[in-house]
N, C-alpha and C. Protein backbone atom coordinates (compact mmCIF):
# COMPACT_ATOMS: atom_id res chain seq x y z
N MET A 1 0.84 -1.17 0.00
CA MET A 1 0.01 0.00 0.00
C MET A 1 0.89 1.23 0.00
N LYS A 2 0.57 2.17 -0.85
CA LYS A 2 1.36 3.39 -0.98
C LYS A 2 0.90 4.42 0.04
N ARG A 3 1.90 5.02 0.76
CA ARG A 3 1.57 6.00 1.78
C ARG A 3 1.30 7.35 1.14
N SER A 4 0.36 8.08 1.73
CA SER A 4 0.06 9.41 1.19
C SER A 4 1.18 10.38 1.54
N LEU A 5 1.19 11.50 0.87
CA LEU A 5 2.22 12.51 1.09
C LEU A 5 2.23 13.01 2.54
N ALA A 6 1.06 13.16 3.16
CA ALA A 6 0.95 13.65 4.52
C ALA A 6 1.45 12.62 5.54
N ASP A 7 1.47 11.34 5.14
CA ASP A 7 1.89 10.28 6.06
C ASP A 7 3.41 10.14 6.13
N ARG A 8 4.11 10.69 5.17
CA ARG A 8 5.57 10.61 5.21
C ARG A 8 6.09 11.60 6.21
N GLU A 9 6.88 11.10 7.16
CA GLU A 9 7.32 11.94 8.29
C GLU A 9 8.21 13.08 7.84
N LYS A 10 9.12 12.83 6.91
CA LYS A 10 10.01 13.90 6.46
C LYS A 10 9.24 15.01 5.79
N VAL A 11 8.32 14.65 4.94
CA VAL A 11 7.53 15.67 4.23
C VAL A 11 6.69 16.46 5.22
N LEU A 12 6.07 15.75 6.16
CA LEU A 12 5.24 16.41 7.16
C LEU A 12 6.08 17.35 8.03
N GLY A 13 7.27 16.89 8.43
CA GLY A 13 8.15 17.72 9.23
C GLY A 13 8.56 18.99 8.52
N VAL A 14 8.92 18.87 7.26
CA VAL A 14 9.32 20.06 6.48
C VAL A 14 8.11 20.97 6.30
N ALA A 15 6.93 20.40 6.02
CA ALA A 15 5.73 21.20 5.81
C ALA A 15 5.34 21.96 7.08
N LEU A 16 5.54 21.38 8.23
CA LEU A 16 5.18 22.06 9.48
C LEU A 16 6.24 23.07 9.93
N LEU A 17 7.50 22.79 9.56
CA LEU A 17 8.59 23.66 9.98
C LEU A 17 8.78 24.85 9.02
N ALA A 18 8.42 24.68 7.78
CA ALA A 18 8.67 25.71 6.76
C ALA A 18 8.05 27.07 7.11
N PRO A 19 6.81 27.16 7.55
CA PRO A 19 6.25 28.49 7.89
C PRO A 19 7.00 29.18 9.03
N ALA A 20 7.40 28.45 10.04
CA ALA A 20 8.13 29.05 11.13
C ALA A 20 9.50 29.52 10.70
N LEU A 21 10.19 28.71 9.89
CA LEU A 21 11.48 29.11 9.39
C LEU A 21 11.37 30.31 8.48
N ALA A 22 10.38 30.34 7.62
CA ALA A 22 10.17 31.49 6.73
C ALA A 22 9.90 32.74 7.55
N TYR A 23 9.11 32.62 8.59
CA TYR A 23 8.80 33.74 9.47
C TYR A 23 10.06 34.30 10.11
N VAL A 24 10.87 33.42 10.67
CA VAL A 24 12.11 33.85 11.33
C VAL A 24 13.07 34.47 10.34
N LEU A 25 13.22 33.85 9.17
CA LEU A 25 14.12 34.39 8.17
C LEU A 25 13.67 35.75 7.66
N LEU A 26 12.39 35.91 7.40
CA LEU A 26 11.89 37.18 6.85
C LEU A 26 11.85 38.29 7.88
N LEU A 27 11.42 37.98 9.10
CA LEU A 27 11.23 39.04 10.09
C LEU A 27 12.42 39.26 11.01
N VAL A 28 13.36 38.32 11.05
CA VAL A 28 14.56 38.49 11.87
C VAL A 28 15.81 38.50 11.01
N GLY A 29 15.96 37.51 10.17
CA GLY A 29 17.16 37.34 9.39
C GLY A 29 17.41 38.47 8.39
N VAL A 30 16.39 38.82 7.61
CA VAL A 30 16.57 39.87 6.59
C VAL A 30 16.89 41.21 7.23
N PRO A 31 16.15 41.68 8.26
CA PRO A 31 16.54 42.95 8.87
C PRO A 31 17.92 42.90 9.52
N PHE A 32 18.31 41.77 10.06
CA PHE A 32 19.63 41.64 10.67
C PHE A 32 20.72 41.79 9.60
N VAL A 33 20.59 41.08 8.50
CA VAL A 33 21.59 41.19 7.41
C VAL A 33 21.58 42.59 6.85
N LEU A 34 20.39 43.19 6.66
CA LEU A 34 20.30 44.56 6.14
C LEU A 34 21.00 45.55 7.09
N ALA A 35 20.82 45.37 8.37
CA ALA A 35 21.47 46.27 9.35
C ALA A 35 23.00 46.12 9.28
N ILE A 36 23.49 44.91 9.12
CA ILE A 36 24.95 44.71 8.99
C ILE A 36 25.47 45.38 7.73
N VAL A 37 24.78 45.17 6.61
CA VAL A 37 25.21 45.79 5.34
C VAL A 37 25.16 47.30 5.41
N LEU A 38 24.06 47.84 5.95
CA LEU A 38 23.93 49.30 6.06
C LEU A 38 24.95 49.90 7.02
N SER A 39 25.42 49.12 7.99
CA SER A 39 26.43 49.66 8.93
C SER A 39 27.76 49.95 8.23
N PHE A 40 27.98 49.34 7.08
CA PHE A 40 29.19 49.58 6.31
C PHE A 40 28.98 50.59 5.19
N SER A 41 27.82 51.29 5.21
CA SER A 41 27.49 52.23 4.15
C SER A 41 27.35 53.64 4.67
N THR A 42 27.10 54.57 3.77
CA THR A 42 26.88 55.95 4.14
C THR A 42 25.41 56.29 4.30
N ALA A 43 24.56 55.25 4.31
CA ALA A 43 23.11 55.46 4.42
C ALA A 43 22.78 56.15 5.75
N THR A 44 21.77 57.01 5.73
CA THR A 44 21.30 57.69 6.93
C THR A 44 19.83 57.38 7.12
N ALA A 45 19.27 57.84 8.21
CA ALA A 45 17.85 57.60 8.50
C ALA A 45 16.94 58.26 7.46
N GLY A 46 17.37 59.37 6.91
CA GLY A 46 16.56 60.08 5.94
C GLY A 46 16.70 59.57 4.54
N SER A 47 17.77 58.85 4.26
CA SER A 47 18.04 58.41 2.89
C SER A 47 18.73 57.05 2.90
N LEU A 48 18.34 56.19 2.04
CA LEU A 48 18.95 54.89 1.92
C LEU A 48 19.96 54.85 0.77
N SER A 49 20.46 56.01 0.36
CA SER A 49 21.46 56.01 -0.72
C SER A 49 22.69 55.25 -0.23
N PHE A 50 23.13 54.33 -1.04
CA PHE A 50 24.17 53.42 -0.61
C PHE A 50 25.51 53.84 -1.17
N GLY A 51 26.39 54.24 -0.26
CA GLY A 51 27.79 54.50 -0.61
C GLY A 51 28.63 53.75 0.38
N TRP A 52 29.67 53.07 -0.13
CA TRP A 52 30.48 52.21 0.74
C TRP A 52 31.31 53.06 1.69
N ALA A 53 31.24 52.76 3.00
CA ALA A 53 31.98 53.50 3.99
C ALA A 53 33.07 52.63 4.64
N GLY A 54 32.99 51.34 4.43
CA GLY A 54 33.95 50.43 5.06
C GLY A 54 33.79 50.47 6.58
N PHE A 55 34.91 50.54 7.26
CA PHE A 55 34.88 50.54 8.73
C PHE A 55 34.85 51.96 9.32
N ALA A 56 34.63 52.96 8.50
CA ALA A 56 34.64 54.37 8.97
C ALA A 56 33.56 54.60 10.02
N ASN A 57 32.38 54.02 9.84
CA ASN A 57 31.30 54.17 10.84
C ASN A 57 31.71 53.57 12.19
N TYR A 58 32.35 52.43 12.14
CA TYR A 58 32.78 51.77 13.38
C TYR A 58 33.89 52.54 14.06
N ARG A 59 34.84 53.06 13.27
CA ARG A 59 35.91 53.88 13.85
C ARG A 59 35.34 55.13 14.49
N ALA A 60 34.35 55.75 13.85
CA ALA A 60 33.73 56.96 14.39
C ALA A 60 33.00 56.70 15.69
N ILE A 61 32.25 55.60 15.74
CA ILE A 61 31.49 55.33 16.96
C ILE A 61 32.40 54.91 18.11
N LEU A 62 33.46 54.19 17.81
CA LEU A 62 34.41 53.77 18.86
C LEU A 62 35.22 54.95 19.37
N ALA A 63 35.37 55.99 18.59
CA ALA A 63 36.07 57.21 19.03
C ALA A 63 35.19 58.14 19.83
N ASP A 64 33.88 57.93 19.77
CA ASP A 64 32.94 58.81 20.46
C ASP A 64 32.95 58.53 21.98
N PRO A 65 33.27 59.52 22.81
CA PRO A 65 33.28 59.29 24.27
C PRO A 65 31.90 58.97 24.85
N ILE A 66 30.85 59.46 24.24
CA ILE A 66 29.49 59.13 24.72
C ILE A 66 29.21 57.65 24.51
N PHE A 67 29.62 57.11 23.38
CA PHE A 67 29.41 55.68 23.12
C PHE A 67 30.24 54.84 24.10
N ARG A 68 31.47 55.24 24.32
CA ARG A 68 32.32 54.48 25.26
C ARG A 68 31.74 54.50 26.67
N ARG A 69 31.19 55.64 27.08
CA ARG A 69 30.57 55.75 28.40
C ARG A 69 29.30 54.86 28.47
N ALA A 70 28.52 54.85 27.38
CA ALA A 70 27.33 54.00 27.33
C ALA A 70 27.72 52.53 27.39
N LEU A 71 28.80 52.17 26.72
CA LEU A 71 29.28 50.77 26.74
C LEU A 71 29.74 50.40 28.16
N ALA A 72 30.45 51.31 28.83
CA ALA A 72 30.89 51.06 30.20
C ALA A 72 29.68 50.93 31.14
N ASN A 73 28.69 51.80 30.98
CA ASN A 73 27.47 51.74 31.82
C ASN A 73 26.75 50.42 31.59
N THR A 74 26.68 49.98 30.34
CA THR A 74 26.03 48.71 30.02
C THR A 74 26.73 47.57 30.72
N ALA A 75 28.06 47.56 30.68
CA ALA A 75 28.83 46.50 31.34
C ALA A 75 28.61 46.56 32.84
N ILE A 76 28.61 47.74 33.44
CA ILE A 76 28.42 47.87 34.89
C ILE A 76 27.03 47.36 35.29
N VAL A 77 26.01 47.78 34.56
CA VAL A 77 24.64 47.34 34.90
C VAL A 77 24.49 45.83 34.70
N THR A 78 25.03 45.31 33.61
CA THR A 78 24.90 43.87 33.35
C THR A 78 25.61 43.04 34.40
N ILE A 79 26.86 43.35 34.65
CA ILE A 79 27.64 42.58 35.61
C ILE A 79 27.08 42.78 37.04
N GLY A 80 26.79 44.02 37.40
CA GLY A 80 26.28 44.31 38.73
C GLY A 80 24.95 43.60 39.01
N SER A 81 24.02 43.69 38.08
CA SER A 81 22.71 43.07 38.31
C SER A 81 22.81 41.55 38.30
N GLN A 82 23.64 41.00 37.43
CA GLN A 82 23.75 39.53 37.37
C GLN A 82 24.43 38.95 38.61
N VAL A 83 25.45 39.61 39.10
CA VAL A 83 26.10 39.17 40.34
C VAL A 83 25.09 39.21 41.48
N LEU A 84 24.36 40.31 41.59
CA LEU A 84 23.34 40.46 42.63
C LEU A 84 22.28 39.37 42.50
N VAL A 85 21.81 39.12 41.28
CA VAL A 85 20.76 38.13 41.06
C VAL A 85 21.27 36.74 41.40
N VAL A 86 22.44 36.38 40.96
CA VAL A 86 22.96 35.02 41.22
C VAL A 86 23.12 34.79 42.72
N VAL A 87 23.68 35.76 43.42
CA VAL A 87 23.89 35.58 44.87
C VAL A 87 22.55 35.48 45.59
N LEU A 88 21.63 36.41 45.30
CA LEU A 88 20.33 36.42 46.00
C LEU A 88 19.47 35.21 45.61
N ALA A 89 19.49 34.81 44.34
CA ALA A 89 18.68 33.67 43.90
C ALA A 89 19.19 32.36 44.51
N THR A 90 20.50 32.24 44.60
CA THR A 90 21.07 31.04 45.22
C THR A 90 20.71 30.97 46.70
N ALA A 91 20.81 32.10 47.38
CA ALA A 91 20.44 32.14 48.80
C ALA A 91 18.96 31.86 48.99
N ALA A 92 18.12 32.48 48.15
CA ALA A 92 16.68 32.23 48.27
C ALA A 92 16.31 30.79 47.98
N ALA A 93 16.96 30.19 47.00
CA ALA A 93 16.72 28.78 46.68
C ALA A 93 17.06 27.89 47.83
N GLN A 94 18.15 28.19 48.54
CA GLN A 94 18.54 27.40 49.71
C GLN A 94 17.47 27.53 50.81
N VAL A 95 16.95 28.73 50.98
CA VAL A 95 15.89 28.93 51.98
C VAL A 95 14.66 28.15 51.59
N PHE A 96 14.28 28.18 50.31
CA PHE A 96 13.04 27.51 49.87
C PHE A 96 13.18 25.99 49.81
N ARG A 97 14.40 25.47 49.85
CA ARG A 97 14.57 24.02 49.89
C ARG A 97 14.25 23.46 51.30
N ALA A 98 14.39 24.31 52.27
CA ALA A 98 14.09 23.87 53.65
C ALA A 98 12.57 23.86 53.87
N ALA A 99 12.16 23.04 54.81
CA ALA A 99 10.74 22.98 55.14
C ALA A 99 10.44 23.99 56.24
N PHE A 100 9.44 24.84 56.00
CA PHE A 100 9.04 25.82 57.00
C PHE A 100 7.60 26.20 56.78
N HIS A 101 6.97 26.71 57.84
CA HIS A 101 5.57 27.11 57.80
C HIS A 101 5.44 28.35 56.90
N GLY A 102 4.51 28.34 55.98
CA GLY A 102 4.30 29.49 55.10
C GLY A 102 5.16 29.44 53.83
N LYS A 103 5.68 28.25 53.53
CA LYS A 103 6.55 28.13 52.36
C LYS A 103 5.82 28.46 51.07
N ARG A 104 4.60 28.01 50.93
CA ARG A 104 3.80 28.32 49.71
C ARG A 104 3.54 29.80 49.57
N THR A 105 3.20 30.45 50.67
CA THR A 105 2.98 31.89 50.63
C THR A 105 4.26 32.63 50.27
N ALA A 106 5.35 32.20 50.83
CA ALA A 106 6.64 32.85 50.53
C ALA A 106 6.99 32.66 49.03
N ARG A 107 6.73 31.50 48.48
CA ARG A 107 7.01 31.29 47.06
C ARG A 107 6.10 32.15 46.19
N PHE A 108 4.85 32.30 46.62
CA PHE A 108 3.93 33.20 45.90
C PHE A 108 4.45 34.62 45.91
N VAL A 109 4.88 35.09 47.07
CA VAL A 109 5.41 36.46 47.19
C VAL A 109 6.67 36.60 46.36
N LEU A 110 7.48 35.55 46.32
CA LEU A 110 8.69 35.56 45.50
C LEU A 110 8.39 35.82 44.02
N LEU A 111 7.31 35.23 43.54
CA LEU A 111 6.98 35.34 42.11
C LEU A 111 6.28 36.63 41.74
N LEU A 112 5.86 37.44 42.73
CA LEU A 112 5.16 38.70 42.42
C LEU A 112 5.92 39.64 41.50
N PRO A 113 7.21 39.90 41.73
CA PRO A 113 7.90 40.83 40.82
C PRO A 113 7.91 40.36 39.38
N TRP A 114 7.88 39.05 39.20
CA TRP A 114 7.87 38.45 37.87
C TRP A 114 6.51 38.65 37.21
N ALA A 115 5.45 38.68 38.02
CA ALA A 115 4.09 38.77 37.50
C ALA A 115 3.57 40.19 37.37
N VAL A 116 4.19 41.12 38.06
CA VAL A 116 3.72 42.52 38.05
C VAL A 116 3.96 43.11 36.65
N PRO A 117 2.96 43.79 36.07
CA PRO A 117 3.19 44.44 34.77
C PRO A 117 4.30 45.49 34.86
N VAL A 118 5.08 45.58 33.80
CA VAL A 118 6.23 46.49 33.79
C VAL A 118 5.80 47.93 34.04
N SER A 119 4.66 48.33 33.49
CA SER A 119 4.22 49.71 33.67
C SER A 119 3.90 50.02 35.13
N LEU A 120 3.28 49.08 35.83
CA LEU A 120 2.99 49.26 37.25
C LEU A 120 4.27 49.29 38.07
N ALA A 121 5.18 48.39 37.74
CA ALA A 121 6.48 48.36 38.46
C ALA A 121 7.24 49.65 38.24
N ALA A 122 7.18 50.19 37.03
CA ALA A 122 7.89 51.45 36.73
C ALA A 122 7.37 52.58 37.58
N ILE A 123 6.04 52.65 37.75
CA ILE A 123 5.44 53.71 38.59
C ILE A 123 5.89 53.53 40.04
N ALA A 124 5.88 52.29 40.53
CA ALA A 124 6.28 52.04 41.90
C ALA A 124 7.75 52.40 42.14
N TRP A 125 8.60 51.97 41.23
CA TRP A 125 10.04 52.27 41.40
C TRP A 125 10.32 53.76 41.23
N THR A 126 9.57 54.44 40.41
CA THR A 126 9.76 55.90 40.27
C THR A 126 9.43 56.58 41.59
N TRP A 127 8.39 56.10 42.25
CA TRP A 127 8.03 56.64 43.58
C TRP A 127 9.09 56.29 44.62
N ILE A 128 9.55 55.04 44.59
CA ILE A 128 10.59 54.61 45.55
C ILE A 128 11.84 55.43 45.43
N PHE A 129 12.24 55.77 44.21
CA PHE A 129 13.47 56.54 43.98
C PHE A 129 13.25 58.02 43.81
N ASP A 130 12.05 58.51 44.07
CA ASP A 130 11.74 59.93 43.92
C ASP A 130 12.62 60.75 44.85
N SER A 131 13.05 61.92 44.36
CA SER A 131 13.96 62.74 45.17
C SER A 131 13.27 63.37 46.37
N THR A 132 11.96 63.59 46.31
CA THR A 132 11.25 64.23 47.42
C THR A 132 10.54 63.22 48.31
N PHE A 133 9.87 62.24 47.73
CA PHE A 133 9.04 61.31 48.49
C PHE A 133 9.61 59.91 48.55
N SER A 134 10.91 59.76 48.40
CA SER A 134 11.57 58.46 48.37
C SER A 134 11.39 57.69 49.68
N VAL A 135 10.91 56.46 49.56
CA VAL A 135 10.79 55.60 50.73
C VAL A 135 12.16 55.25 51.27
N ILE A 136 13.12 55.08 50.40
CA ILE A 136 14.47 54.76 50.82
C ILE A 136 15.08 55.92 51.60
N ASN A 137 14.94 57.14 51.06
CA ASN A 137 15.46 58.33 51.77
C ASN A 137 14.80 58.48 53.14
N TRP A 138 13.49 58.30 53.19
CA TRP A 138 12.75 58.45 54.43
C TRP A 138 13.22 57.42 55.46
N THR A 139 13.37 56.16 55.03
CA THR A 139 13.81 55.11 55.94
C THR A 139 15.22 55.40 56.48
N LEU A 140 16.11 55.81 55.59
CA LEU A 140 17.49 56.12 56.01
C LEU A 140 17.51 57.33 56.95
N LYS A 141 16.63 58.32 56.68
CA LYS A 141 16.56 59.51 57.53
C LYS A 141 16.05 59.17 58.92
N VAL A 142 15.00 58.37 58.99
CA VAL A 142 14.42 57.97 60.25
C VAL A 142 15.42 57.14 61.08
N ALA A 143 16.18 56.32 60.38
CA ALA A 143 17.20 55.50 61.05
C ALA A 143 18.43 56.31 61.48
N GLY A 144 18.49 57.56 61.03
CA GLY A 144 19.61 58.42 61.37
C GLY A 144 20.84 58.21 60.51
N LEU A 145 20.69 57.51 59.42
CA LEU A 145 21.83 57.21 58.52
C LEU A 145 21.98 58.22 57.40
N LEU A 146 20.99 59.10 57.27
CA LEU A 146 21.02 60.08 56.16
C LEU A 146 20.68 61.46 56.71
N HIS A 147 21.47 62.43 56.36
CA HIS A 147 21.22 63.80 56.85
C HIS A 147 20.73 64.72 55.75
N GLY A 148 21.07 64.47 54.51
CA GLY A 148 20.56 65.26 53.39
C GLY A 148 19.59 64.41 52.60
N TRP A 149 19.47 64.68 51.32
CA TRP A 149 18.62 63.89 50.45
C TRP A 149 19.47 63.24 49.39
N LEU A 150 19.14 62.01 49.04
CA LEU A 150 19.79 61.34 47.92
C LEU A 150 18.91 61.54 46.68
N TYR A 151 19.50 62.03 45.62
CA TYR A 151 18.76 62.22 44.37
C TYR A 151 19.06 61.01 43.47
N TRP A 152 18.30 59.94 43.72
CA TRP A 152 18.56 58.64 43.10
C TRP A 152 18.60 58.71 41.58
N LEU A 153 17.70 59.43 40.97
CA LEU A 153 17.64 59.47 39.51
C LEU A 153 18.28 60.72 38.95
N GLY A 154 18.84 61.57 39.82
CA GLY A 154 19.43 62.82 39.37
C GLY A 154 20.95 62.82 39.36
N GLU A 155 21.56 61.88 40.04
CA GLU A 155 23.00 61.75 40.06
C GLU A 155 23.40 60.50 39.32
N PRO A 156 24.34 60.59 38.37
CA PRO A 156 24.69 59.44 37.54
C PRO A 156 25.07 58.17 38.32
N GLY A 157 25.85 58.30 39.38
CA GLY A 157 26.25 57.12 40.15
C GLY A 157 25.07 56.46 40.83
N LEU A 158 24.22 57.27 41.45
CA LEU A 158 23.03 56.73 42.14
C LEU A 158 22.03 56.17 41.13
N ALA A 159 21.92 56.82 39.96
CA ALA A 159 21.01 56.30 38.94
C ALA A 159 21.45 54.94 38.48
N LEU A 160 22.74 54.73 38.35
CA LEU A 160 23.27 53.43 37.96
C LEU A 160 22.94 52.38 39.01
N VAL A 161 23.08 52.74 40.27
CA VAL A 161 22.72 51.82 41.36
C VAL A 161 21.22 51.51 41.33
N ALA A 162 20.39 52.54 41.09
CA ALA A 162 18.95 52.35 41.01
C ALA A 162 18.56 51.39 39.89
N ILE A 163 19.21 51.55 38.72
CA ILE A 163 18.93 50.68 37.58
C ILE A 163 19.34 49.24 37.91
N ILE A 164 20.48 49.07 38.54
CA ILE A 164 20.93 47.73 38.92
C ILE A 164 19.93 47.07 39.88
N ILE A 165 19.45 47.83 40.86
CA ILE A 165 18.48 47.32 41.83
C ILE A 165 17.18 46.89 41.15
N VAL A 166 16.67 47.74 40.26
CA VAL A 166 15.42 47.42 39.57
C VAL A 166 15.59 46.22 38.66
N GLN A 167 16.69 46.16 37.94
CA GLN A 167 16.95 45.04 37.03
C GLN A 167 17.06 43.74 37.83
N ALA A 168 17.80 43.78 38.95
CA ALA A 168 17.95 42.58 39.77
C ALA A 168 16.61 42.15 40.35
N TRP A 169 15.80 43.12 40.78
CA TRP A 169 14.47 42.82 41.33
C TRP A 169 13.60 42.12 40.28
N ARG A 170 13.73 42.53 39.06
CA ARG A 170 12.88 41.99 37.98
C ARG A 170 13.30 40.56 37.63
N ILE A 171 14.61 40.27 37.65
CA ILE A 171 15.10 38.96 37.22
C ILE A 171 15.15 37.95 38.37
N PHE A 172 15.28 38.43 39.60
CA PHE A 172 15.45 37.59 40.78
C PHE A 172 14.45 36.43 40.89
N PRO A 173 13.14 36.62 40.72
CA PRO A 173 12.23 35.48 40.87
C PRO A 173 12.48 34.36 39.85
N PHE A 174 12.72 34.74 38.61
CA PHE A 174 12.98 33.73 37.55
C PHE A 174 14.25 32.97 37.87
N ALA A 175 15.30 33.69 38.28
CA ALA A 175 16.57 33.03 38.61
C ALA A 175 16.40 32.08 39.78
N THR A 176 15.59 32.49 40.76
CA THR A 176 15.37 31.63 41.93
C THR A 176 14.68 30.33 41.52
N VAL A 177 13.67 30.46 40.66
CA VAL A 177 12.95 29.28 40.18
C VAL A 177 13.91 28.34 39.41
N ILE A 178 14.78 28.92 38.60
CA ILE A 178 15.75 28.10 37.85
C ILE A 178 16.70 27.38 38.82
N VAL A 179 17.20 28.09 39.81
CA VAL A 179 18.11 27.45 40.80
C VAL A 179 17.36 26.38 41.57
N LEU A 180 16.10 26.65 41.93
CA LEU A 180 15.30 25.65 42.65
C LEU A 180 15.07 24.40 41.80
N ALA A 181 14.91 24.59 40.50
CA ALA A 181 14.66 23.45 39.62
C ALA A 181 15.88 22.56 39.52
N GLY A 182 17.04 23.06 39.85
CA GLY A 182 18.24 22.25 39.89
C GLY A 182 19.03 22.42 38.66
């Protein structure tokens, strides 16, 4: 008995995979290759006139002090938040491996930052780091550890710390679940 075309596993596999591969190639691959090609050209946002620039664009961006500062800030935020997340997630996973009363509630609370919509979290963190109404400033002032005000989002160093804290807070639940999973 001859098998139909749909019964052949290879044909069925290709037929089911082809739309997903075409989607990825057209919507991710083509723009990626186009971006690489255009990075070596004189094309601008207003015009796609193509003139070969070679590595001149890369030399110009690497010579720009603003780009170098942005690259350094990216490295600081990435390394700082990941170190914080790994340490805290590992510690939290060790706590959650132990048996204790309220373990389910604690796990639920752990997952809240992961489930909170980004827009709501942004409003909350803006309030937490506000220069006038900051909960952190108030707590430090009441504890006698702060005599002036910290402008969390107004000073570059403190803003970097604030970004690291928010990024770590956002990733921490997922990392803890991964560490718990083994």
